[in-house]
PDB file of N, CA and C in Angstrom:
ATOM      1  N   MET A   1     -37.716 -88.385  89.462  1.00  0.00           N
ATOM      2  CA  MET A   1     -38.115 -87.139  90.088  1.00  0.00           C
ATOM      3  C   MET A   1     -39.639 -87.128  90.179  1.00  0.00           C
ATOM      4  N   ASP A   2     -40.156 -86.800  91.312  1.00  0.00           N
ATOM      5  CA  ASP A   2     -41.602 -86.803  91.479  1.00  0.00           C
ATOM      6  C   ASP A   2     -42.228 -85.514  90.927  1.00  0.00           C
ATOM      7  N   LEU A   3     -43.515 -85.535  90.776  1.00  0.00           N
ATOM      8  CA  LEU A   3     -44.246 -84.427  90.165  1.00  0.00           C
ATOM      9  C   LEU A   3     -44.111 -83.141  90.964  1.00  0.00           C
ATOM     10  N   THR A   4     -44.093 -83.237  92.286  1.00  0.00           N
ATOM     11  CA  THR A   4     -43.984 -82.053  93.142  1.00  0.00           C
ATOM     12  C   THR A   4     -42.647 -81.354  92.933  1.00  0.00           C
ATOM     13  N   ARG A   5     -41.582 -82.129  92.906  1.00  0.00           N
ATOM     14  CA  ARG A   5     -40.254 -81.553  92.713  1.00  0.00           C
ATOM     15  C   ARG A   5     -40.150 -80.939  91.308  1.00  0.00           C
ATOM     16  N   TRP A   6     -40.674 -81.663  90.315  1.00  0.00           N
ATOM     17  CA  TRP A   6     -40.638 -81.166  88.947  1.00  0.00           C
ATOM     18  C   TRP A   6     -41.424 -79.863  88.827  1.00  0.00           C
ATOM     19  N   SER A   7     -42.577 -79.793  89.452  1.00  0.00           N
ATOM     20  CA  SER A   7     -43.403 -78.576  89.438  1.00  0.00           C
ATOM     21  C   SER A   7     -42.667 -77.417  90.102  1.00  0.00           C
ATOM     22  N   GLY A   8     -41.997 -77.708  91.197  1.00  0.00           N
ATOM     23  CA  GLY A   8     -41.224 -76.674  91.896  1.00  0.00           C
ATOM     24  C   GLY A   8     -40.123 -76.107  91.021  1.00  0.00           C
ATOM     25  N   LYS A   9     -39.427 -76.991  90.298  1.00  0.00           N
ATOM     26  CA  LYS A   9     -38.360 -76.533  89.402  1.00  0.00           C
ATOM     27  C   LYS A   9     -38.936 -75.705  88.255  1.00  0.00           C
ATOM     28  N   ALA A  10     -40.096 -76.109  87.764  1.00  0.00           N
ATOM     29  CA  ALA A  10     -40.739 -75.357  86.678  1.00  0.00           C
ATOM     30  C   ALA A  10     -41.116 -73.955  87.149  1.00  0.00           C
ATOM     31  N   VAL A  11     -41.644 -73.859  88.349  1.00  0.00           N
ATOM     32  CA  VAL A  11     -42.014 -72.554  88.895  1.00  0.00           C
ATOM     33  C   VAL A  11     -40.771 -71.697  89.117  1.00  0.00           C
ATOM     34  N   GLU A  12     -39.729 -72.315  89.666  1.00  0.00           N
ATOM     35  CA  GLU A  12     -38.487 -71.580  89.895  1.00  0.00           C
ATOM     36  C   GLU A  12     -37.900 -71.071  88.582  1.00  0.00           C
ATOM     37  N   THR A  13     -37.909 -71.918  87.561  1.00  0.00           N
ATOM     38  CA  THR A  13     -37.396 -71.527  86.247  1.00  0.00           C
ATOM     39  C   THR A  13     -38.215 -70.381  85.662  1.00  0.00           C
ATOM     40  N   ALA A  14     -39.525 -70.491  85.758  1.00  0.00           N
ATOM     41  CA  ALA A  14     -40.390 -69.426  85.250  1.00  0.00           C
ATOM     42  C   ALA A  14     -40.145 -68.113  85.992  1.00  0.00           C
ATOM     43  N   THR A  15     -39.908 -68.207  87.284  1.00  0.00           N
ATOM     44  CA  THR A  15     -39.627 -67.011  88.084  1.00  0.00           C
ATOM     45  C   THR A  15     -38.324 -66.354  87.641  1.00  0.00           C
ATOM     46  N   VAL A  16     -37.302 -67.169  87.393  1.00  0.00           N
ATOM     47  CA  VAL A  16     -36.012 -66.634  86.938  1.00  0.00           C
ATOM     48  C   VAL A  16     -36.185 -65.916  85.603  1.00  0.00           C
ATOM     49  N   TRP A  17     -36.886 -66.548  84.661  1.00  0.00           N
ATOM     50  CA  TRP A  17     -37.078 -65.926  83.342  1.00  0.00           C
ATOM     51  C   TRP A  17     -37.933 -64.674  83.436  1.00  0.00           C
ATOM     52  N   THR A  18     -38.936 -64.683  84.288  1.00  0.00           N
ATOM     53  CA  THR A  18     -39.782 -63.499  84.456  1.00  0.00           C
ATOM     54  C   THR A  18     -38.960 -62.335  84.989  1.00  0.00           C
ATOM     55  N   ASP A  19     -38.133 -62.607  85.982  1.00  0.00           N
ATOM     56  CA  ASP A  19     -37.271 -61.572  86.552  1.00  0.00           C
ATOM     57  C   ASP A  19     -36.305 -61.047  85.488  1.00  0.00           C
ATOM     58  N   ALA A  20     -35.706 -61.951  84.725  1.00  0.00           N
ATOM     59  CA  ALA A  20     -34.768 -61.538  83.669  1.00  0.00           C
ATOM     60  C   ALA A  20     -35.481 -60.697  82.610  1.00  0.00           C
ATOM     61  N   ASN A  21     -36.671 -61.116  82.218  1.00  0.00           N
ATOM     62  CA  ASN A  21     -37.432 -60.358  81.225  1.00  0.00           C
ATOM     63  C   ASN A  21     -37.759 -58.958  81.723  1.00  0.00           C
ATOM     64  N   GLN A  22     -38.108 -58.831  82.993  1.00  0.00           N
ATOM     65  CA  GLN A  22     -38.405 -57.518  83.557  1.00  0.00           C
ATOM     66  C   GLN A  22     -37.169 -56.626  83.551  1.00  0.00           C
ATOM     67  N   ARG A  23     -36.026 -57.200  83.898  1.00  0.00           N
ATOM     68  CA  ARG A  23     -34.780 -56.417  83.892  1.00  0.00           C
ATOM     69  C   ARG A  23     -34.426 -55.962  82.483  1.00  0.00           C
ATOM     70  N   VAL A  24     -34.546 -56.871  81.519  1.00  0.00           N
ATOM     71  CA  VAL A  24     -34.229 -56.520  80.132  1.00  0.00           C
ATOM     72  C   VAL A  24     -35.179 -55.440  79.633  1.00  0.00           C
ATOM     73  N   LEU A  25     -36.452 -55.602  79.909  1.00  0.00           N
ATOM     74  CA  LEU A  25     -37.424 -54.597  79.492  1.00  0.00           C
ATOM     75  C   LEU A  25     -37.123 -53.244  80.126  1.00  0.00           C
ATOM     76  N   ARG A  26     -36.769 -53.237  81.405  1.00  0.00           N
ATOM     77  CA  ARG A  26     -36.415 -51.988  82.088  1.00  0.00           C
ATOM     78  C   ARG A  26     -35.206 -51.336  81.414  1.00  0.00           C
ATOM     79  N   GLU A  27     -34.206 -52.144  81.076  1.00  0.00           N
ATOM     80  CA  GLU A  27     -33.023 -51.611  80.394  1.00  0.00           C
ATOM     81  C   GLU A  27     -33.399 -50.998  79.042  1.00  0.00           C
ATOM     82  N   LEU A  28     -34.261 -51.674  78.297  1.00  0.00           N
ATOM     83  CA  LEU A  28     -34.675 -51.170  76.989  1.00  0.00           C
ATOM     84  C   LEU A  28     -35.497 -49.890  77.111  1.00  0.00           C
ATOM     85  N   VAL A  29     -36.351 -49.825  78.108  1.00  0.00           N
ATOM     86  CA  VAL A  29     -37.140 -48.611  78.327  1.00  0.00           C
ATOM     87  C   VAL A  29     -36.220 -47.461  78.729  1.00  0.00           C
ATOM     88  N   ASP A  30     -35.285 -47.721  79.625  1.00  0.00           N
ATOM     89  CA  ASP A  30     -34.330 -46.684  80.026  1.00  0.00           C
ATOM     90  C   ASP A  30     -33.511 -46.200  78.834  1.00  0.00           C
ATOM     91  N   PHE A  31     -33.070 -47.135  77.998  1.00  0.00           N
ATOM     92  CA  PHE A  31     -32.300 -46.768  76.814  1.00  0.00           C
ATOM     93  C   PHE A  31     -33.150 -45.936  75.858  1.00  0.00           C
ATOM     94  N   SER A  32     -34.386 -46.336  75.661  1.00  0.00           N
ATOM     95  CA  SER A  32     -35.285 -45.584  74.777  1.00  0.00           C
ATOM     96  C   SER A  32     -35.511 -44.167  75.295  1.00  0.00           C
ATOM     97  N   ALA A  33     -35.707 -44.050  76.592  1.00  0.00           N
ATOM     98  CA  ALA A  33     -35.917 -42.728  77.189  1.00  0.00           C
ATOM     99  C   ALA A  33     -34.661 -41.863  77.052  1.00  0.00           C
ATOM    100  N   ALA A  34     -33.502 -42.452  77.289  1.00  0.00           N
ATOM    101  CA  ALA A  34     -32.248 -41.706  77.159  1.00  0.00           C
ATOM    102  C   ALA A  34     -32.030 -41.265  75.710  1.00  0.00           C
ATOM    103  N   THR A  35     -32.365 -42.141  74.782  1.00  0.00           N
ATOM    104  CA  THR A  35     -32.217 -41.803  73.363  1.00  0.00           C
ATOM    105  C   THR A  35     -33.167 -40.669  72.983  1.00  0.00           C
ATOM    106  N   ALA A  36     -34.382 -40.724  73.487  1.00  0.00           N
ATOM    107  CA  ALA A  36     -35.347 -39.659  73.211  1.00  0.00           C
ATOM    108  C   ALA A  36     -34.874 -38.331  73.791  1.00  0.00           C
ATOM    109  N   ARG A  37     -34.369 -38.361  75.027  1.00  0.00           N
ATOM    110  CA  ARG A  37     -33.853 -37.129  75.642  1.00  0.00           C
ATOM    111  C   ARG A  37     -32.695 -36.567  74.833  1.00  0.00           C
ATOM    112  N   GLU A  38     -31.809 -37.438  74.403  1.00  0.00           N
ATOM    113  CA  GLU A  38     -30.662 -37.009  73.601  1.00  0.00           C
ATOM    114  C   GLU A  38     -31.131 -36.391  72.285  1.00  0.00           C
ATOM    115  N   GLY A  39     -32.125 -37.003  71.667  1.00  0.00           N
ATOM    116  CA  GLY A  39     -32.647 -36.480  70.407  1.00  0.00           C
ATOM    117  C   GLY A  39     -33.276 -35.101  70.568  1.00  0.00           C
ATOM    118  N   VAL A  40     -34.038 -34.921  71.629  1.00  0.00           N
ATOM    119  CA  VAL A  40     -34.674 -33.622  71.880  1.00  0.00           C
ATOM    120  C   VAL A  40     -33.608 -32.567  72.156  1.00  0.00           C
ATOM    121  N   LYS A  41     -32.620 -32.925  72.961  1.00  0.00           N
ATOM    122  CA  LYS A  41     -31.533 -31.993  73.280  1.00  0.00           C
ATOM    123  C   LYS A  41     -30.782 -31.598  72.008  1.00  0.00           C
ATOM    124  N   LEU A  42     -30.457 -32.579  71.187  1.00  0.00           N
ATOM    125  CA  LEU A  42     -29.731 -32.312  69.946  1.00  0.00           C
ATOM    126  C   LEU A  42     -30.555 -31.432  69.015  1.00  0.00           C
ATOM    127  N   TYR A  43     -31.829 -31.744  68.882  1.00  0.00           N
ATOM    128  CA  TYR A  43     -32.701 -30.962  68.014  1.00  0.00           C
ATOM    129  C   TYR A  43     -32.727 -29.498  68.452  1.00  0.00           C
ATOM    130  N   ALA A  44     -32.862 -29.262  69.742  1.00  0.00           N
ATOM    131  CA  ALA A  44     -32.905 -27.891  70.260  1.00  0.00           C
ATOM    132  C   ALA A  44     -31.588 -27.162  69.984  1.00  0.00           C
ATOM    133  N   GLU A  45     -30.475 -27.848  70.209  1.00  0.00           N
ATOM    134  CA  GLU A  45     -29.174 -27.221  69.962  1.00  0.00           C
ATOM    135  C   GLU A  45     -28.982 -26.913  68.476  1.00  0.00           C
ATOM    136  N   LEU A  46     -29.385 -27.845  67.621  1.00  0.00           N
ATOM    137  CA  LEU A  46     -29.250 -27.613  66.178  1.00  0.00           C
ATOM    138  C   LEU A  46     -30.129 -26.456  65.721  1.00  0.00           C
ATOM    139  N   GLN A  47     -31.331 -26.359  66.253  1.00  0.00           N
ATOM    140  CA  GLN A  47     -32.220 -25.250  65.900  1.00  0.00           C
ATOM    141  C   GLN A  47     -31.615 -23.918  66.333  1.00  0.00           C
ATOM    142  N   GLN A  48     -31.057 -23.911  67.537  1.00  0.00           N
ATOM    143  CA  GLN A  48     -30.447 -22.686  68.048  1.00  0.00           C
ATOM    144  C   GLN A  48     -29.287 -22.258  67.150  1.00  0.00           C
ATOM    145  N   LYS A  49     -28.451 -23.198  66.779  1.00  0.00           N
ATOM    146  CA  LYS A  49     -27.300 -22.883  65.932  1.00  0.00           C
ATOM    147  C   LYS A  49     -27.751 -22.481  64.523  1.00  0.00           C
ATOM    148  N   ALA A  50     -28.801 -23.089  64.022  1.00  0.00           N
ATOM    149  CA  ALA A  50     -29.311 -22.717  62.698  1.00  0.00           C
ATOM    150  C   ALA A  50     -29.797 -21.267  62.707  1.00  0.00           C
ATOM    151  N   LEU A  51     -30.473 -20.860  63.771  1.00  0.00           N
ATOM    152  CA  LEU A  51     -30.914 -19.478  63.876  1.00  0.00           C
ATOM    153  C   LEU A  51     -29.722 -18.527  63.973  1.00  0.00           C
ATOM    154  N   GLU A  52     -28.706 -18.930  64.712  1.00  0.00           N
ATOM    155  CA  GLU A  52     -27.493 -18.116  64.809  1.00  0.00           C
ATOM    156  C   GLU A  52     -26.854 -17.952  63.431  1.00  0.00           C
ATOM    157  N   ALA A  53     -26.827 -19.035  62.664  1.00  0.00           N
ATOM    158  CA  ALA A  53     -26.215 -18.984  61.334  1.00  0.00           C
ATOM    159  C   ALA A  53     -26.961 -18.021  60.425  1.00  0.00           C
ATOM    160  N   LEU A  54     -28.271 -17.916  60.598  1.00  0.00           N
ATOM    161  CA  LEU A  54     -29.052 -16.993  59.768  1.00  0.00           C
ATOM    162  C   LEU A  54     -28.792 -15.533  60.138  1.00  0.00           C
ATOM    163  N   ARG A  55     -28.389 -15.291  61.365  1.00  0.00           N
ATOM    164  CA  ARG A  55     -28.200 -13.917  61.845  1.00  0.00           C
ATOM    165  C   ARG A  55     -26.799 -13.364  61.609  1.00  0.00           C
ATOM    166  N   VAL A  56     -25.851 -14.215  61.276  1.00  0.00           N
ATOM    167  CA  VAL A  56     -24.476 -13.718  61.141  1.00  0.00           C
ATOM    168  C   VAL A  56     -24.319 -12.921  59.860  1.00  0.00           C
ATOM    169  N   ASP A  57     -23.268 -12.113  59.854  1.00  0.00           N
ATOM    170  CA  ASP A  57     -23.071 -11.210  58.725  1.00  0.00           C
ATOM    171  C   ASP A  57     -21.963 -11.660  57.770  1.00  0.00           C
ATOM    172  N   SER A  58     -21.413 -12.841  57.995  1.00  0.00           N
ATOM    173  CA  SER A  58     -20.372 -13.302  57.070  1.00  0.00           C
ATOM    174  C   SER A  58     -20.470 -14.808  56.856  1.00  0.00           C
ATOM    175  N   VAL A  59     -19.989 -15.227  55.720  1.00  0.00           N
ATOM    176  CA  VAL A  59     -19.999 -16.645  55.373  1.00  0.00           C
ATOM    177  C   VAL A  59     -19.082 -17.418  56.313  1.00  0.00           C
ATOM    178  N   ASP A  60     -17.958 -16.827  56.686  1.00  0.00           N
ATOM    179  CA  ASP A  60     -17.012 -17.507  57.576  1.00  0.00           C
ATOM    180  C   ASP A  60     -17.655 -17.840  58.927  1.00  0.00           C
ATOM    181  N   LYS A  61     -18.394 -16.891  59.473  1.00  0.00           N
ATOM    182  CA  LYS A  61     -19.065 -17.145  60.759  1.00  0.00           C
ATOM    183  C   LYS A  61     -20.132 -18.227  60.606  1.00  0.00           C
ATOM    184  N   ALA A  62     -20.856 -18.175  59.495  1.00  0.00           N
ATOM    185  CA  ALA A  62     -21.895 -19.181  59.257  1.00  0.00           C
ATOM    186  C   ALA A  62     -21.278 -20.571  59.128  1.00  0.00           C
ATOM    187  N   LEU A  63     -20.157 -20.660  58.428  1.00  0.00           N
ATOM    188  CA  LEU A  63     -19.478 -21.952  58.273  1.00  0.00           C
ATOM    189  C   LEU A  63     -18.954 -22.463  59.608  1.00  0.00           C
ATOM    190  N   THR A  64     -18.475 -21.567  60.444  1.00  0.00           N
ATOM    191  CA  THR A  64     -18.007 -21.953  61.775  1.00  0.00           C
ATOM    192  C   THR A  64     -19.165 -22.520  62.597  1.00  0.00           C
ATOM    193  N   ILE A  65     -20.316 -21.890  62.488  1.00  0.00           N
ATOM    194  CA  ILE A  65     -21.492 -22.380  63.203  1.00  0.00           C
ATOM    195  C   ILE A  65     -21.904 -23.741  62.670  1.00  0.00           C
ATOM    196  N   LEU A  66     -21.882 -23.921  61.358  1.00  0.00           N
ATOM    197  CA  LEU A  66     -22.233 -25.212  60.761  1.00  0.00           C
ATOM    198  C   LEU A  66     -21.239 -26.295  61.174  1.00  0.00           C
ATOM    199  N   GLU A  67     -19.981 -25.941  61.285  1.00  0.00           N
ATOM    200  CA  GLU A  67     -18.975 -26.895  61.755  1.00  0.00           C
ATOM    201  C   GLU A  67     -19.291 -27.316  63.195  1.00  0.00           C
ATOM    202  N   GLY A  68     -19.726 -26.358  63.993  1.00  0.00           N
ATOM    203  CA  GLY A  68     -20.116 -26.666  65.365  1.00  0.00           C
ATOM    204  C   GLY A  68     -21.299 -27.626  65.403  1.00  0.00           C
ATOM    205  N   GLN A  69     -22.227 -27.481  64.447  1.00  0.00           N
ATOM    206  CA  GLN A  69     -23.361 -28.396  64.375  1.00  0.00           C
ATOM    207  C   GLN A  69     -22.890 -29.815  64.066  1.00  0.00           C
ATOM    208  N   ALA A  70     -21.939 -29.935  63.159  1.00  0.00           N
ATOM    209  CA  ALA A  70     -21.406 -31.257  62.825  1.00  0.00           C
ATOM    210  C   ALA A  70     -20.750 -31.888  64.045  1.00  0.00           C
ATOM    211  N   GLN A  71     -20.036 -31.090  64.815  1.00  0.00           N
ATOM    212  CA  GLN A  71     -19.403 -31.603  66.029  1.00  0.00           C
ATOM    213  C   GLN A  71     -20.448 -32.017  67.063  1.00  0.00           C
ATOM    214  N   MET A  72     -21.541 -31.267  67.152  1.00  0.00           N
ATOM    215  CA  MET A  72     -22.625 -31.638  68.068  1.00  0.00           C
ATOM    216  C   MET A  72     -23.226 -32.979  67.670  1.00  0.00           C
ATOM    217  N   LEU A  73     -23.424 -33.171  66.374  1.00  0.00           N
ATOM    218  CA  LEU A  73     -23.963 -34.441  65.892  1.00  0.00           C
ATOM    219  C   LEU A  73     -23.042 -35.598  66.247  1.00  0.00           C
ATOM    220  N   ALA A  74     -21.748 -35.395  66.057  1.00  0.00           N
ATOM    221  CA  ALA A  74     -20.772 -36.449  66.357  1.00  0.00           C
ATOM    222  C   ALA A  74     -20.774 -36.779  67.851  1.00  0.00           C
ATOM    223  N   ARG A  75     -20.794 -35.762  68.698  1.00  0.00           N
ATOM    224  CA  ARG A  75     -20.811 -35.996  70.151  1.00  0.00           C
ATOM    225  C   ARG A  75     -22.097 -36.705  70.571  1.00  0.00           C
ATOM    226  N   SER A  76     -23.205 -36.305  69.985  1.00  0.00           N
ATOM    227  CA  SER A  76     -24.476 -36.946  70.306  1.00  0.00           C
ATOM    228  C   SER A  76     -24.458 -38.417  69.894  1.00  0.00           C
ATOM    229  N   ALA A  77     -23.936 -38.702  68.713  1.00  0.00           N
ATOM    230  CA  ALA A  77     -23.838 -40.090  68.254  1.00  0.00           C
ATOM    231  C   ALA A  77     -22.939 -40.905  69.181  1.00  0.00           C
ATOM    232  N   GLU A  78     -21.854 -40.313  69.646  1.00  0.00           N
ATOM    233  CA  GLU A  78     -20.962 -41.010  70.583  1.00  0.00           C
ATOM    234  C   GLU A  78     -21.672 -41.321  71.894  1.00  0.00           C
ATOM    235  N   ARG A  79     -22.454 -40.363  72.398  1.00  0.00           N
ATOM    236  CA  ARG A  79     -23.184 -40.600  73.652  1.00  0.00           C
ATOM    237  C   ARG A  79     -24.218 -41.705  73.474  1.00  0.00           C
ATOM    238  N   MET A  80     -24.901 -41.696  72.337  1.00  0.00           N
ATOM    239  CA  MET A  80     -25.894 -42.748  72.086  1.00  0.00           C
ATOM    240  C   MET A  80     -25.225 -44.109  71.929  1.00  0.00           C
ATOM    241  N   GLN A  81     -24.070 -44.133  71.277  1.00  0.00           N
ATOM    242  CA  GLN A  81     -23.348 -45.395  71.123  1.00  0.00           C
ATOM    243  C   GLN A  81     -22.913 -45.926  72.482  1.00  0.00           C
ATOM    244  N   THR A  82     -22.393 -45.065  73.327  1.00  0.00           N
ATOM    245  CA  THR A  82     -21.981 -45.472  74.667  1.00  0.00           C
ATOM    246  C   THR A  82     -23.168 -46.018  75.451  1.00  0.00           C
ATOM    247  N   SER A  83     -24.290 -45.328  75.357  1.00  0.00           N
ATOM    248  CA  SER A  83     -25.497 -45.782  76.048  1.00  0.00           C
ATOM    249  C   SER A  83     -25.952 -47.136  75.517  1.00  0.00           C
ATOM    250  N   ALA A  84     -25.903 -47.315  74.200  1.00  0.00           N
ATOM    251  CA  ALA A  84     -26.304 -48.603  73.601  1.00  0.00           C
ATOM    252  C   ALA A  84     -25.374 -49.723  74.045  1.00  0.00           C
ATOM    253  N   GLU A  85     -24.077 -49.443  74.109  1.00  0.00           N
ATOM    254  CA  GLU A  85     -23.112 -50.456  74.551  1.00  0.00           C
ATOM    255  C   GLU A  85     -23.358 -50.844  76.006  1.00  0.00           C
ATOM    256  N   GLN A  86     -23.616 -49.849  76.849  1.00  0.00           N
ATOM    257  CA  GLN A  86     -23.882 -50.131  78.261  1.00  0.00           C
ATOM    258  C   GLN A  86     -25.164 -50.942  78.426  1.00  0.00           C
ATOM    259  N   THR A  87     -26.177 -50.585  77.655  1.00  0.00           N
ATOM    260  CA  THR A  87     -27.442 -51.324  77.715  1.00  0.00           C
ATOM    261  C   THR A  87     -27.242 -52.760  77.259  1.00  0.00           C
ATOM    262  N   GLY A  88     -26.520 -52.935  76.161  1.00  0.00           N
ATOM    263  CA  GLY A  88     -26.248 -54.282  75.657  1.00  0.00           C
ATOM    264  C   GLY A  88     -25.475 -55.120  76.667  1.00  0.00           C
ATOM    265  N   LYS A  89     -24.503 -54.509  77.301  1.00  0.00           N
ATOM    266  CA  LYS A  89     -23.709 -55.228  78.306  1.00  0.00           C
ATOM    267  C   LYS A  89     -24.583 -55.637  79.489  1.00  0.00           C
ATOM    268  N   SER A  90     -25.437 -54.733  79.927  1.00  0.00           N
ATOM    269  CA  SER A  90     -26.316 -55.036  81.052  1.00  0.00           C
ATOM    270  C   SER A  90     -27.294 -56.158  80.708  1.00  0.00           C
ATOM    271  N   ILE A  91     -27.833 -56.124  79.494  1.00  0.00           N
ATOM    272  CA  ILE A  91     -28.757 -57.182  79.061  1.00  0.00           C
ATOM    273  C   ILE A  91     -28.023 -58.515  78.983  1.00  0.00           C
ATOM    274  N   GLN A  92     -26.808 -58.492  78.465  1.00  0.00           N
ATOM    275  CA  GLN A  92     -26.022 -59.727  78.388  1.00  0.00           C
ATOM    276  C   GLN A  92     -25.752 -60.283  79.780  1.00  0.00           C
ATOM    277  N   GLU A  93     -25.398 -59.427  80.725  1.00  0.00           N
ATOM    278  CA  GLU A  93     -25.150 -59.873  82.099  1.00  0.00           C
ATOM    279  C   GLU A  93     -26.417 -60.461  82.722  1.00  0.00           C
ATOM    280  N   THR A  94     -27.554 -59.836  82.453  1.00  0.00           N
ATOM    281  CA  THR A  94     -28.822 -60.342  82.975  1.00  0.00           C
ATOM    282  C   THR A  94     -29.106 -61.736  82.432  1.00  0.00           C
ATOM    283  N   CYS A  95     -28.923 -61.915  81.134  1.00  0.00           N
ATOM    284  CA  CYS A  95     -29.194 -63.223  80.517  1.00  0.00           C
ATOM    285  C   CYS A  95     -28.214 -64.283  81.008  1.00  0.00           C
ATOM    286  N   THR A  96     -26.955 -63.923  81.149  1.00  0.00           N
ATOM    287  CA  THR A  96     -25.948 -64.858  81.651  1.00  0.00           C
ATOM    288  C   THR A  96     -26.290 -65.299  83.072  1.00  0.00           C
ATOM    289  N   ALA A  97     -26.694 -64.340  83.909  1.00  0.00           N
ATOM    290  CA  ALA A  97     -27.067 -64.665  85.289  1.00  0.00           C
ATOM    291  C   ALA A  97     -28.311 -65.563  85.317  1.00  0.00           C
ATOM    292  N   ALA A  98     -29.277 -65.281  84.440  1.00  0.00           N
ATOM    293  CA  ALA A  98     -30.498 -66.099  84.407  1.00  0.00           C
ATOM    294  C   ALA A  98     -30.171 -67.528  84.000  1.00  0.00           C
ATOM    295  N   VAL A  99     -29.328 -67.693  83.005  1.00  0.00           N
ATOM    296  CA  VAL A  99     -28.949 -69.042  82.564  1.00  0.00           C
ATOM    297  C   VAL A  99     -28.227 -69.778  83.694  1.00  0.00           C
ATOM    298  N   ALA A 100     -27.337 -69.084  84.388  1.00  0.00           N
ATOM    299  CA  ALA A 100     -26.615 -69.719  85.508  1.00  0.00           C
ATOM    300  C   ALA A 100     -27.588 -70.163  86.597  1.00  0.00           C
ATOM    301  N   LYS A 101     -28.577 -69.319  86.904  1.00  0.00           N
ATOM    302  CA  LYS A 101     -29.562 -69.685  87.927  1.00  0.00           C
ATOM    303  C   LYS A 101     -30.382 -70.898  87.495  1.00  0.00           C
ATOM    304  N   ILE A 102     -30.759 -70.922  86.239  1.00  0.00           N
ATOM    305  CA  ILE A 102     -31.560 -72.050  85.744  1.00  0.00           C
ATOM    306  C   ILE A 102     -30.731 -73.341  85.752  1.00  0.00           C
ATOM    307  N   LYS A 103     -29.460 -73.233  85.430  1.00  0.00           N
ATOM    308  CA  LYS A 103     -28.580 -74.418  85.514  1.00  0.00           C
ATOM    309  C   LYS A 103     -28.524 -74.937  86.936  1.00  0.00           C
ATOM    310  N   ASP A 104     -28.436 -73.990  87.891  1.00  0.00           N
ATOM    311  CA  ASP A 104     -28.418 -74.391  89.292  1.00  0.00           C
ATOM    312  C   ASP A 104     -29.719 -75.078  89.691  1.00  0.00           C
ATOM    313  N   VAL A 105     -30.831 -74.535  89.247  1.00  0.00           N
ATOM    314  CA  VAL A 105     -32.141 -75.137  89.554  1.00  0.00           C
ATOM    315  C   VAL A 105     -32.200 -76.548  88.987  1.00  0.00           C
ATOM    316  N   CYS A 106     -31.770 -76.716  87.754  1.00  0.00           N
ATOM    317  CA  CYS A 106     -31.823 -78.025  87.105  1.00  0.00           C
ATOM    318  C   CYS A 106     -30.850 -79.016  87.727  1.00  0.00           C
ATOM    319  N   ALA A 107     -29.732 -78.518  88.266  1.00  0.00           N
ATOM    320  CA  ALA A 107     -28.725 -79.389  88.839  1.00  0.00           C
ATOM    321  C   ALA A 107     -29.130 -79.904  90.227  1.00  0.00           C
ATOM    322  N   GLN A 108     -30.048 -79.211  90.871  1.00  0.00           N
ATOM    323  CA  GLN A 108     -30.478 -79.636  92.211  1.00  0.00           C
ATOM    324  C   GLN A 108     -31.237 -80.960  92.094  1.00  0.00           C
ATOM    325  N   ALA A 109     -30.868 -81.874  92.943  1.00  0.00           N
ATOM    326  CA  ALA A 109     -31.494 -83.209  92.898  1.00  0.00           C
ATOM    327  C   ALA A 109     -32.855 -83.220  93.520  1.00  0.00           C
TER     328      ALA A 109
END
């Protein structure tokens, strides 16, 4: 293989990895932003429910509100888990596609 062809393959490979890295970084930034939004939303809801619990006139109502907070936490954790799974799947697909492209580049004579 001559130097020109080898250089071309090196550039093509670097381009594939650069593109894959950008996609992965974008996925991680999107996931981080979604997690932050979820955290802020959860915090606001928990604060609201905590204030409601302080205003009620019976222990039963306060316990019901606290139970609702536990359910909010569980739902929030489920949403974050789903988001993490989707992000992981997308990153895996990106890496798999990048490896396939690089194999194709290397296989070209």
